[in-house]
Amino acid sequence: MAPENIRTETLGCRLNAYESSVMEDLAEEAGLENAVVINTCAVTKEAVRKSRQMVRKAQSRWPDAKIIVTGCAAQIEPQSFKNIEGVDWVVGNDSKLEAHLWKKIADAKNDGCRHQPHILVDDIMQVAQITPHLAKSFGVRAVAYLQIQNGCDHRCTFCIIPYGRGNSRSVPAGVIVSQIRDLVKVGYNEVVLTGVDLTSWGGDLAGKPGLGNLLARILKLVPELPRLRISSVDPAEIDQEFVEVVVENERVMPHLHLSLQAGDNMILKRMKRRHSREDAIKFCNHLKSLRPELTFGADLIAGFPTETDEMFRNTLDILDECELTWLHIFPYSPREGTPAARMPQVNGETIKNRAYQLREAAKRRVKIHLKEQVGQIQSTLIESPMTGRTGQYTVVNLPAREEPGKIIPMTITGFQDGSLLGHPQTI
């Protein structure tokens, strides 16, 4: 949790949330006072708009504070944030995790008058390594998020993120294992591995070990870790070792969030994805046959350029064919500088309607999952005094307060509003 005189506003992904925690620690250690850090997102035009809006609100609410803007939107569009009144610093994604940067900001005098902001944004594509960091605190969370990878070597036609994160870089396995040991020592019972393109981990390391190899090493070398979770995977990069580790180890949580984006082969091709519709269905069905309790989430884009009604139907149908549960639905919006922005666009109302249909189908899929859990006993990590989460990433509402961080077997008695209802199992 940030010190009272350092306020952090975060948009976007789990990796951003993790990095915000690291920045809070670095800012505190540097002695920074009276500052607002806005960690922006650039995944959609709407995310960039919200980022700018958040910067303006921060300046209005805390006019005497140093305003520091960082994150993917700031990396890609530094000048647009520089031009917002009240901004003092615009910091690139690589620089934002450097201790000396925060010391420089802390030492800079804020004389109360408006001046040209400092821009510290370098060419992210030239960054070849990742500096490992361990966030010291995660607020009231019982779950620790650990960055093991950054950047992406792929160039999906809709995506601007590689230009905000750079090329893929991996944290060495030994460092990851050491950091997980440290997290377990201070009481975390679940560690979530995060990254931009997580399944590319190891491609830039000696011997090119895969993500499955890393999971096996963590499980072997940190036997005291009860729960290991993987945040997001690309089906095109999964190897046999990964499959074996996931299906054979109960300490790996039975939930995988898939970077699918679409369920139609022509749209996947135009997105420049590396898997087909059939690949996704085969992957999900194969893993489910080996470990039936597995649940799958997915990212899906509604209204990608050239998408016809039939193509959209294929994406809608894949929810049932892959038995997807927890979905992130993104209405397509063109990002300047991406190939997809130059393709024939789908009507805005059609995009909105298709996103609505996907969300409604997702609610139906969640309800199916919740019904299946009633009567079962689920090992549940308590994340707040009145809620926990199963290995399948399902929220459980508790009948009475419990201590966050504990793992309790819960008898599932029902469900309500997208969450399960549970009682601690009686012996």
Protein backbone atom coordinates (compact mmCIF):
# COMPACT_ATOMS: atom_id res chain seq x y z
CA MET A 1 0.00 0.00 0.00
CA ALA A 2 1.35 3.42 -0.96
CA PRO A 3 2.52 5.84 1.74
CA GLU A 4 -0.07 8.51 2.52
CA ASN A 5 1.93 11.23 0.73
CA ILE A 6 2.35 9.12 -2.45
CA ARG A 7 -0.86 8.37 -4.34
CA THR A 8 -0.85 5.82 -7.16
CA GLU A 9 -3.55 5.53 -9.80
CA THR A 10 -3.36 2.43 -12.00
CA LEU A 11 -5.14 1.55 -15.23
CA GLY A 12 -4.97 -1.67 -17.22
CA CYS A 13 -3.48 -5.07 -16.59
CA ARG A 14 -2.18 -7.03 -13.60
CA LEU A 15 1.36 -6.29 -14.69
CA ASN A 16 0.63 -2.58 -14.34
CA ALA A 17 -0.78 -3.22 -10.85
CA TYR A 18 2.36 -5.14 -9.93
CA GLU A 19 4.61 -2.39 -11.27
CA SER A 20 2.64 0.22 -9.36
CA SER A 21 3.45 -1.66 -6.16
CA VAL A 22 7.14 -1.65 -7.11
CA MET A 23 7.05 2.08 -7.87
CA GLU A 24 5.41 2.79 -4.51
CA ASP A 25 8.30 1.04 -2.77
CA LEU A 26 10.93 2.84 -4.86
CA ALA A 27 9.29 6.24 -4.35
CA GLU A 28 9.11 5.72 -0.60
CA GLU A 29 12.74 4.61 -0.40
CA ALA A 30 13.77 7.69 -2.41
CA GLY A 31 11.99 9.99 0.04
CA LEU A 32 9.46 11.27 -2.49
CA GLU A 33 6.71 13.34 -0.89
CA ASN A 34 3.40 14.81 -2.03
CA ALA A 35 3.24 13.08 -5.40
CA VAL A 36 0.67 11.41 -7.61
CA VAL A 37 1.81 8.61 -9.93
CA ILE A 38 -0.53 7.71 -12.80
CA ASN A 39 0.35 4.36 -14.38
CA THR A 40 -1.41 4.52 -17.75
CA CYS A 41 -2.72 1.92 -20.19
CA ALA A 42 -2.74 1.94 -24.00
CA VAL A 43 -4.51 -1.30 -24.87
CA THR A 44 -7.44 0.63 -26.46
CA LYS A 45 -8.22 4.22 -27.43
CA GLU A 46 -10.65 4.27 -24.51
CA ALA A 47 -7.86 3.26 -22.12
CA VAL A 48 -5.73 6.17 -23.36
CA ARG A 49 -8.68 8.55 -22.99
CA LYS A 50 -9.26 7.37 -19.42
CA SER A 51 -5.54 7.77 -18.71
CA ARG A 52 -5.62 11.41 -19.82
CA GLN A 53 -8.79 11.97 -17.82
CA MET A 54 -7.18 10.51 -14.72
CA VAL A 55 -4.18 12.83 -15.11
CA ARG A 56 -6.44 15.88 -15.33
CA LYS A 57 -8.44 14.78 -12.30
CA ALA A 58 -5.27 14.25 -10.29
CA GLN A 59 -4.02 17.74 -11.11
CA SER A 60 -7.38 19.23 -10.13
CA ARG A 61 -7.67 17.28 -6.91
CA TRP A 62 -4.04 17.67 -5.77
CA PRO A 63 -2.83 20.91 -7.41
CA ASP A 64 0.27 21.16 -5.22
CA ALA A 65 1.47 17.60 -5.79
CA LYS A 66 4.09 16.42 -8.24
CA ILE A 67 2.27 14.69 -11.11
CA ILE A 68 4.23 11.76 -12.58
CA VAL A 69 2.77 10.01 -15.63
CA THR A 70 4.12 6.64 -16.73
CA GLY A 71 2.93 3.35 -18.24
CA CYS A 72 2.20 2.23 -21.80
CA ALA A 73 0.23 5.28 -22.94
CA ALA A 74 2.97 7.58 -21.66
CA GLN A 75 5.61 5.46 -23.41
CA ILE A 76 3.81 5.55 -26.75
CA GLU A 77 2.44 9.11 -26.64
CA PRO A 78 4.72 11.09 -24.31
CA GLN A 79 4.07 14.46 -25.95
CA SER A 80 0.31 14.21 -25.47
CA PHE A 81 0.78 13.78 -21.71
CA LYS A 82 3.48 16.45 -21.58
CA ASN A 83 0.91 18.91 -22.90
CA ILE A 84 -1.56 18.31 -20.07
CA GLU A 85 -1.43 21.18 -17.61
CA GLY A 86 0.10 20.25 -14.28
CA VAL A 87 2.20 17.30 -15.41
CA ASP A 88 5.71 17.42 -13.95
CA TRP A 89 7.26 14.18 -15.23
CA VAL A 90 6.54 11.79 -18.11
CA VAL A 91 8.45 8.56 -17.49
CA GLY A 92 8.93 5.62 -19.88
CA ASN A 93 8.12 2.02 -19.05
CA ASP A 94 11.76 0.99 -18.68
CA SER A 95 12.82 3.95 -16.55
CA LYS A 96 9.89 3.76 -14.15
CA LEU A 97 11.36 0.81 -12.24
CA GLU A 98 14.81 2.34 -11.75
CA ALA A 99 15.63 3.47 -8.20
CA HIS A 100 17.84 6.36 -9.37
CA LEU A 101 14.89 7.81 -11.33
CA TRP A 102 12.76 8.07 -8.21
CA LYS A 103 15.64 9.62 -6.29
CA LYS A 104 15.97 12.21 -9.07
CA ILE A 105 12.25 13.02 -8.89
CA ALA A 106 12.35 13.20 -5.09
CA ASP A 107 15.30 15.61 -5.16
CA ALA A 108 13.78 17.89 -7.80
CA LYS A 109 12.36 21.07 -6.36
CA ASN A 110 8.70 21.86 -6.91
CA ASP A 111 8.51 25.64 -6.73
CA GLY A 112 4.76 25.72 -7.18
CA CYS A 113 4.84 27.41 -10.59
CA ARG A 114 4.10 25.66 -13.86
CA HIS A 115 7.05 24.74 -16.03
CA GLN A 116 7.96 22.46 -18.88
CA PRO A 117 7.64 18.87 -17.65
CA HIS A 118 10.59 16.52 -17.69
CA ILE A 119 10.30 13.74 -20.29
CA LEU A 120 12.30 10.59 -19.57
CA VAL A 121 11.15 8.25 -22.34
CA ASP A 122 13.71 6.21 -24.28
CA ASP A 123 13.38 3.82 -27.21
CA ILE A 124 11.82 0.78 -25.53
CA MET A 125 12.79 -1.41 -28.50
CA GLN A 126 16.45 -1.01 -27.57
CA VAL A 127 15.93 -2.51 -24.11
CA ALA A 128 17.41 -6.02 -24.08
CA GLN A 129 17.10 -7.03 -20.42
CA ILE A 130 14.58 -6.93 -17.63
CA THR A 131 15.51 -5.78 -14.15
CA PRO A 132 13.91 -8.09 -11.55
CA HIS A 133 11.92 -6.33 -8.85
CA LEU A 134 9.97 -7.63 -5.90
CA ALA A 135 7.12 -5.51 -4.60
CA LYS A 136 7.30 -5.35 -0.81
CA SER A 137 3.57 -5.03 -0.27
CA PHE A 138 0.35 -5.77 -2.08
CA GLY A 139 -2.08 -3.80 0.06
CA VAL A 140 -4.60 -6.06 1.77
CA ARG A 141 -4.26 -8.78 -0.84
CA ALA A 142 -3.44 -12.31 0.19
CA VAL A 143 -2.13 -12.99 -3.32
CA ALA A 144 1.30 -11.93 -4.60
CA TYR A 145 1.84 -11.05 -8.26
CA LEU A 146 5.31 -11.67 -9.64
CA GLN A 147 6.58 -10.33 -12.96
CA ILE A 148 8.64 -12.95 -14.79
CA GLN A 149 8.58 -11.48 -18.30
CA ASN A 150 8.03 -8.20 -20.14
CA GLY A 151 7.53 -7.16 -23.75
CA CYS A 152 6.36 -9.06 -26.82
CA ASP A 153 8.06 -10.22 -30.02
CA HIS A 154 4.80 -10.73 -31.93
CA ARG A 155 2.99 -8.11 -33.97
CA CYS A 156 -0.74 -8.77 -33.87
CA THR A 157 -2.36 -6.32 -36.27
CA PHE A 158 -4.63 -4.75 -33.63
CA CYS A 159 -2.07 -4.36 -30.86
CA ILE A 160 0.02 -1.33 -29.91
CA ILE A 161 1.42 -2.83 -26.69
CA PRO A 162 4.81 -4.02 -28.09
CA TYR A 163 5.57 -0.35 -28.74
CA GLY A 164 4.85 0.39 -25.11
CA ARG A 165 6.63 -2.62 -23.65
CA GLY A 166 9.38 -3.46 -26.13
CA ASN A 167 10.59 -6.90 -27.15
CA SER A 168 10.28 -9.97 -24.95
CA ARG A 169 12.65 -10.16 -21.96
CA SER A 170 12.68 -12.90 -19.32
CA VAL A 171 13.63 -12.88 -15.65
CA PRO A 172 16.08 -15.77 -15.01
CA ALA A 173 14.59 -18.82 -13.30
CA GLY A 174 16.95 -18.61 -10.31
CA VAL A 175 15.82 -15.07 -9.55
CA ILE A 176 12.15 -16.07 -9.85
CA VAL A 177 12.58 -19.00 -7.47
CA SER A 178 14.39 -16.80 -4.95
CA GLN A 179 11.66 -14.16 -5.08
CA ILE A 180 8.92 -16.74 -4.60
CA ARG A 181 10.73 -18.12 -1.56
CA ASP A 182 10.83 -14.61 -0.12
CA LEU A 183 7.10 -14.16 -0.75
CA VAL A 184 6.25 -17.44 0.96
CA LYS A 185 8.42 -16.50 3.94
CA VAL A 186 6.37 -13.36 4.58
CA GLY A 187 3.10 -15.27 4.42
CA TYR A 188 1.81 -15.39 0.86
CA ASN A 189 0.10 -18.67 0.02
CA GLU A 190 -0.51 -17.92 -3.65
CA VAL A 191 1.82 -16.44 -6.25
CA VAL A 192 0.56 -15.36 -9.67
CA LEU A 193 3.11 -15.28 -12.48
CA THR A 194 2.57 -12.24 -14.71
CA GLY A 195 4.00 -10.84 -17.93
CA VAL A 196 3.02 -9.30 -21.25
CA ASP A 197 3.51 -12.51 -23.25
CA LEU A 198 3.96 -15.00 -20.45
CA THR A 199 4.31 -18.13 -22.56
CA SER A 200 7.30 -16.65 -24.39
CA TRP A 201 9.24 -16.78 -21.12
CA GLY A 202 12.73 -18.23 -21.59
CA GLY A 203 13.07 -17.60 -25.31
CA ASP A 204 15.84 -15.08 -24.70
CA LEU A 205 17.64 -17.11 -22.01
CA ALA A 206 20.44 -19.65 -22.43
CA GLY A 207 19.05 -22.99 -23.55
CA LYS A 208 15.65 -21.42 -24.26
CA PRO A 209 13.75 -23.12 -21.40
CA GLY A 210 9.97 -23.01 -21.72
CA LEU A 211 7.32 -21.89 -19.26
CA GLY A 212 6.58 -25.52 -18.38
CA ASN A 213 10.21 -25.97 -17.37
CA LEU A 214 9.96 -22.91 -15.11
CA LEU A 215 6.77 -24.17 -13.45
CA ALA A 216 8.39 -27.53 -12.75
CA ARG A 217 11.42 -25.83 -11.17
CA ILE A 218 9.27 -23.63 -8.96
CA LEU A 219 7.19 -26.56 -7.73
CA LYS A 220 10.31 -28.63 -7.00
CA LEU A 221 12.44 -25.91 -5.41
CA VAL A 222 9.71 -24.14 -3.42
CA PRO A 223 7.70 -27.06 -1.98
CA GLU A 224 6.33 -24.77 0.73
CA LEU A 225 4.32 -22.75 -1.83
CA PRO A 226 0.72 -24.03 -1.68
CA ARG A 227 -0.70 -22.32 -4.77
CA LEU A 228 0.89 -21.27 -8.05
CA ARG A 229 -1.23 -19.47 -10.62
CA ILE A 230 -0.52 -18.49 -14.23
CA SER A 231 -2.10 -15.23 -15.32
CA SER A 232 -2.43 -15.60 -19.12
CA VAL A 233 -1.21 -17.97 -21.81
CA ASP A 234 -1.07 -18.05 -25.59
CA PRO A 235 -2.25 -21.45 -26.92
CA ALA A 236 0.22 -21.19 -29.82
CA GLU A 237 3.20 -21.26 -27.46
CA ILE A 238 2.19 -24.14 -25.17
CA ASP A 239 4.48 -27.17 -25.19
CA GLN A 240 4.04 -30.69 -23.84
CA GLU A 241 6.01 -30.02 -20.65
CA PHE A 242 3.64 -27.18 -19.78
CA VAL A 243 0.63 -29.45 -20.28
CA GLU A 244 2.14 -32.18 -18.12
CA VAL A 245 2.97 -29.81 -15.26
CA VAL A 246 -0.49 -28.21 -15.27
CA VAL A 247 -2.48 -31.44 -15.37
CA GLU A 248 -0.32 -33.40 -12.92
CA ASN A 249 0.19 -30.85 -10.12
CA GLU A 250 -2.65 -29.75 -7.88
CA ARG A 251 -0.52 -26.85 -6.63
CA VAL A 252 -0.89 -25.29 -10.09
CA MET A 253 -4.31 -23.66 -9.92
CA PRO A 254 -6.88 -25.18 -12.33
CA HIS A 255 -7.58 -21.98 -14.23
CA LEU A 256 -5.94 -20.71 -17.42
CA HIS A 257 -6.73 -17.38 -19.04
CA LEU A 258 -6.26 -17.72 -22.80
CA SER A 259 -5.26 -15.07 -25.30
CA LEU A 260 -7.78 -16.16 -27.95
CA GLN A 261 -9.09 -12.81 -29.32
CA ALA A 262 -11.48 -14.47 -31.81
CA GLY A 263 -13.06 -17.75 -32.80
CA ASP A 264 -13.08 -17.37 -36.57
CA ASN A 265 -10.14 -18.50 -38.68
CA MET A 266 -10.23 -15.63 -41.18
CA ILE A 267 -10.35 -13.05 -38.41
CA LEU A 268 -7.54 -14.82 -36.55
CA LYS A 269 -5.48 -14.72 -39.75
CA ARG A 270 -6.18 -11.01 -40.22
CA MET A 271 -5.25 -10.43 -36.59
CA LYS A 272 -1.96 -12.24 -37.32
CA ARG A 273 -2.60 -14.68 -34.50
CA ARG A 274 -0.66 -17.95 -34.59
CA HIS A 275 -3.45 -20.36 -33.65
CA SER A 276 -6.60 -21.45 -35.42
CA ARG A 277 -10.10 -21.96 -34.10
CA GLU A 278 -9.51 -25.72 -34.19
CA ASP A 279 -6.25 -25.34 -32.25
CA ALA A 280 -8.04 -23.51 -29.43
CA ILE A 281 -10.85 -26.06 -29.18
CA LYS A 282 -8.43 -29.00 -29.28
CA PHE A 283 -6.24 -27.39 -26.60
CA CYS A 284 -9.12 -26.79 -24.19
CA ASN A 285 -10.74 -30.18 -24.73
CA HIS A 286 -7.40 -31.99 -24.33
CA LEU A 287 -6.51 -30.32 -21.05
CA LYS A 288 -10.05 -30.70 -19.75
CA SER A 289 -9.94 -34.43 -20.48
CA LEU A 290 -6.75 -34.73 -18.44
CA ARG A 291 -7.80 -32.45 -15.58
CA PRO A 292 -11.62 -32.07 -15.58
CA GLU A 293 -11.73 -29.30 -12.94
CA LEU A 294 -9.82 -26.91 -15.21
CA THR A 295 -11.62 -23.71 -16.12
CA PHE A 296 -10.69 -21.36 -18.95
CA GLY A 297 -10.99 -17.62 -19.28
CA ALA A 298 -10.23 -15.70 -22.45
CA ASP A 299 -9.72 -12.33 -24.09
CA LEU A 300 -12.11 -11.77 -27.02
CA ILE A 301 -12.43 -8.79 -29.36
CA ALA A 302 -15.86 -7.84 -30.72
CA GLY A 303 -16.15 -6.23 -34.15
CA PHE A 304 -12.63 -6.64 -35.50
CA PRO A 305 -12.33 -5.06 -39.00
CA THR A 306 -14.02 -7.08 -41.79
CA GLU A 307 -15.88 -9.26 -39.24
CA THR A 308 -19.16 -10.48 -40.77
CA ASP A 309 -22.16 -11.85 -38.89
CA GLU A 310 -21.02 -15.40 -39.68
CA MET A 311 -17.49 -14.69 -38.45
CA PHE A 312 -18.89 -13.21 -35.25
CA ARG A 313 -21.09 -16.29 -34.77
CA ASN A 314 -17.95 -18.45 -34.82
CA THR A 315 -16.50 -16.36 -32.01
CA LEU A 316 -19.76 -16.53 -30.07
CA ASP A 317 -19.92 -20.31 -30.50
CA ILE A 318 -16.38 -20.86 -29.23
CA LEU A 319 -17.53 -19.92 -25.71
CA ASP A 320 -19.40 -23.23 -25.56
CA GLU A 321 -16.95 -25.25 -27.64
CA CYS A 322 -14.06 -24.32 -25.34
CA GLU A 323 -16.27 -24.19 -22.22
CA LEU A 324 -15.01 -20.69 -21.40
CA THR A 325 -15.95 -19.11 -18.09
CA TRP A 326 -14.20 -15.86 -17.13
CA LEU A 327 -14.08 -13.56 -20.15
CA HIS A 328 -12.60 -10.17 -20.94
CA ILE A 329 -14.61 -8.64 -23.80
CA PHE A 330 -13.06 -5.76 -25.75
CA PRO A 331 -15.11 -3.80 -28.29
CA TYR A 332 -12.64 -3.20 -31.12
CA SER A 333 -11.31 0.33 -31.44
CA PRO A 334 -8.66 1.25 -34.04
CA ARG A 335 -5.24 2.22 -32.74
CA GLU A 336 -3.32 4.61 -34.97
CA GLY A 337 -0.14 2.97 -36.22
CA THR A 338 -1.52 -0.59 -36.30
CA PRO A 339 -2.34 -2.48 -39.54
CA ALA A 340 -5.89 -3.20 -38.36
CA ALA A 341 -6.65 0.52 -38.23
CA ARG A 342 -6.21 0.62 -42.03
CA MET A 343 -8.60 -2.30 -42.64
CA PRO A 344 -12.32 -1.84 -43.48
CA GLN A 345 -13.98 -1.03 -40.16
CA VAL A 346 -17.17 -2.49 -38.69
CA ASN A 347 -19.99 -0.08 -37.84
CA GLY A 348 -19.77 1.22 -34.28
CA GLU A 349 -23.30 0.18 -33.33
CA THR A 350 -22.61 -3.31 -34.65
CA ILE A 351 -19.46 -3.52 -32.54
CA LYS A 352 -21.39 -2.39 -29.47
CA ASN A 353 -24.14 -4.97 -30.11
CA ARG A 354 -21.65 -7.81 -30.64
CA ALA A 355 -19.81 -6.93 -27.43
CA TYR A 356 -23.15 -7.01 -25.62
CA GLN A 357 -23.96 -10.45 -27.04
CA LEU A 358 -20.57 -11.79 -25.95
CA ARG A 359 -21.04 -10.40 -22.43
CA GLU A 360 -24.48 -11.98 -22.15
CA ALA A 361 -23.12 -15.30 -23.37
CA ALA A 362 -20.29 -14.97 -20.84
CA LYS A 363 -22.83 -14.49 -18.02
CA ARG A 364 -24.57 -17.68 -19.16
CA ARG A 365 -21.28 -19.57 -19.13
CA VAL A 366 -20.46 -18.30 -15.63
CA LYS A 367 -23.86 -19.44 -14.38
CA ILE A 368 -23.22 -22.94 -15.77
CA HIS A 369 -19.90 -23.03 -13.91
CA LEU A 370 -21.42 -21.81 -10.65
CA LYS A 371 -24.18 -24.43 -10.76
CA GLU A 372 -21.59 -27.16 -11.21
CA GLN A 373 -19.83 -26.11 -8.00
CA VAL A 374 -22.82 -26.42 -5.67
CA GLY A 375 -22.31 -29.29 -3.25
CA GLN A 376 -18.59 -29.53 -3.90
CA ILE A 377 -15.82 -28.87 -1.41
CA GLN A 378 -13.40 -26.26 -2.74
CA SER A 379 -10.04 -25.29 -1.30
CA THR A 380 -10.45 -21.53 -0.91
CA LEU A 381 -7.84 -18.85 -0.35
CA ILE A 382 -9.24 -16.08 1.86
CA GLU A 383 -8.50 -12.80 0.08
CA SER A 384 -10.48 -10.45 2.34
CA PRO A 385 -12.33 -11.02 5.62
CA MET A 386 -15.58 -11.88 3.84
CA THR A 387 -14.45 -13.33 0.48
CA GLY A 388 -12.17 -16.03 -0.85
CA ARG A 389 -11.27 -17.51 -4.21
CA THR A 390 -11.21 -21.10 -5.38
CA GLY A 391 -8.46 -22.57 -7.51
CA GLN A 392 -10.76 -22.09 -10.50
CA TYR A 393 -10.68 -18.33 -9.89
CA THR A 394 -14.24 -18.21 -8.57
CA VAL A 395 -15.12 -15.78 -5.78
CA VAL A 396 -16.69 -17.33 -2.67
CA ASN A 397 -18.72 -15.18 -0.27
CA LEU A 398 -18.20 -16.26 3.33
CA PRO A 399 -20.81 -16.50 6.11
CA ALA A 400 -18.46 -14.98 8.70
CA ARG A 401 -15.14 -13.15 8.81
CA GLU A 402 -11.98 -15.16 8.20
CA GLU A 403 -8.31 -14.25 8.29
CA PRO A 404 -6.95 -13.20 4.86
CA GLY A 405 -4.23 -15.50 3.60
CA LYS A 406 -5.63 -18.70 5.09
CA ILE A 407 -6.61 -21.61 2.85
CA ILE A 408 -9.87 -23.19 3.99
CA PRO A 409 -11.91 -26.08 2.55
CA MET A 410 -15.33 -24.61 1.80
CA THR A 411 -18.57 -26.48 1.14
CA ILE A 412 -20.31 -24.65 -1.71
CA THR A 413 -23.97 -24.14 -0.78
CA GLY A 414 -25.19 -21.95 -3.63
CA PHE A 415 -24.40 -18.93 -5.75
CA GLN A 416 -25.54 -15.35 -6.19
CA ASP A 417 -24.58 -12.43 -8.47
CA GLY A 418 -21.71 -14.26 -10.16
CA SER A 419 -20.16 -15.56 -6.92
CA LEU A 420 -20.39 -18.75 -4.89
CA LEU A 421 -21.77 -19.04 -1.37
CA GLY A 422 -19.76 -21.25 0.96
CA HIS A 423 -19.36 -22.48 4.51
CA PRO A 424 -16.17 -23.78 6.07
CA GLN A 425 -16.16 -27.55 5.94
CA THR A 426 -17.01 -29.13 9.27
CA ILE A 427 -14.93 -32.09 10.41
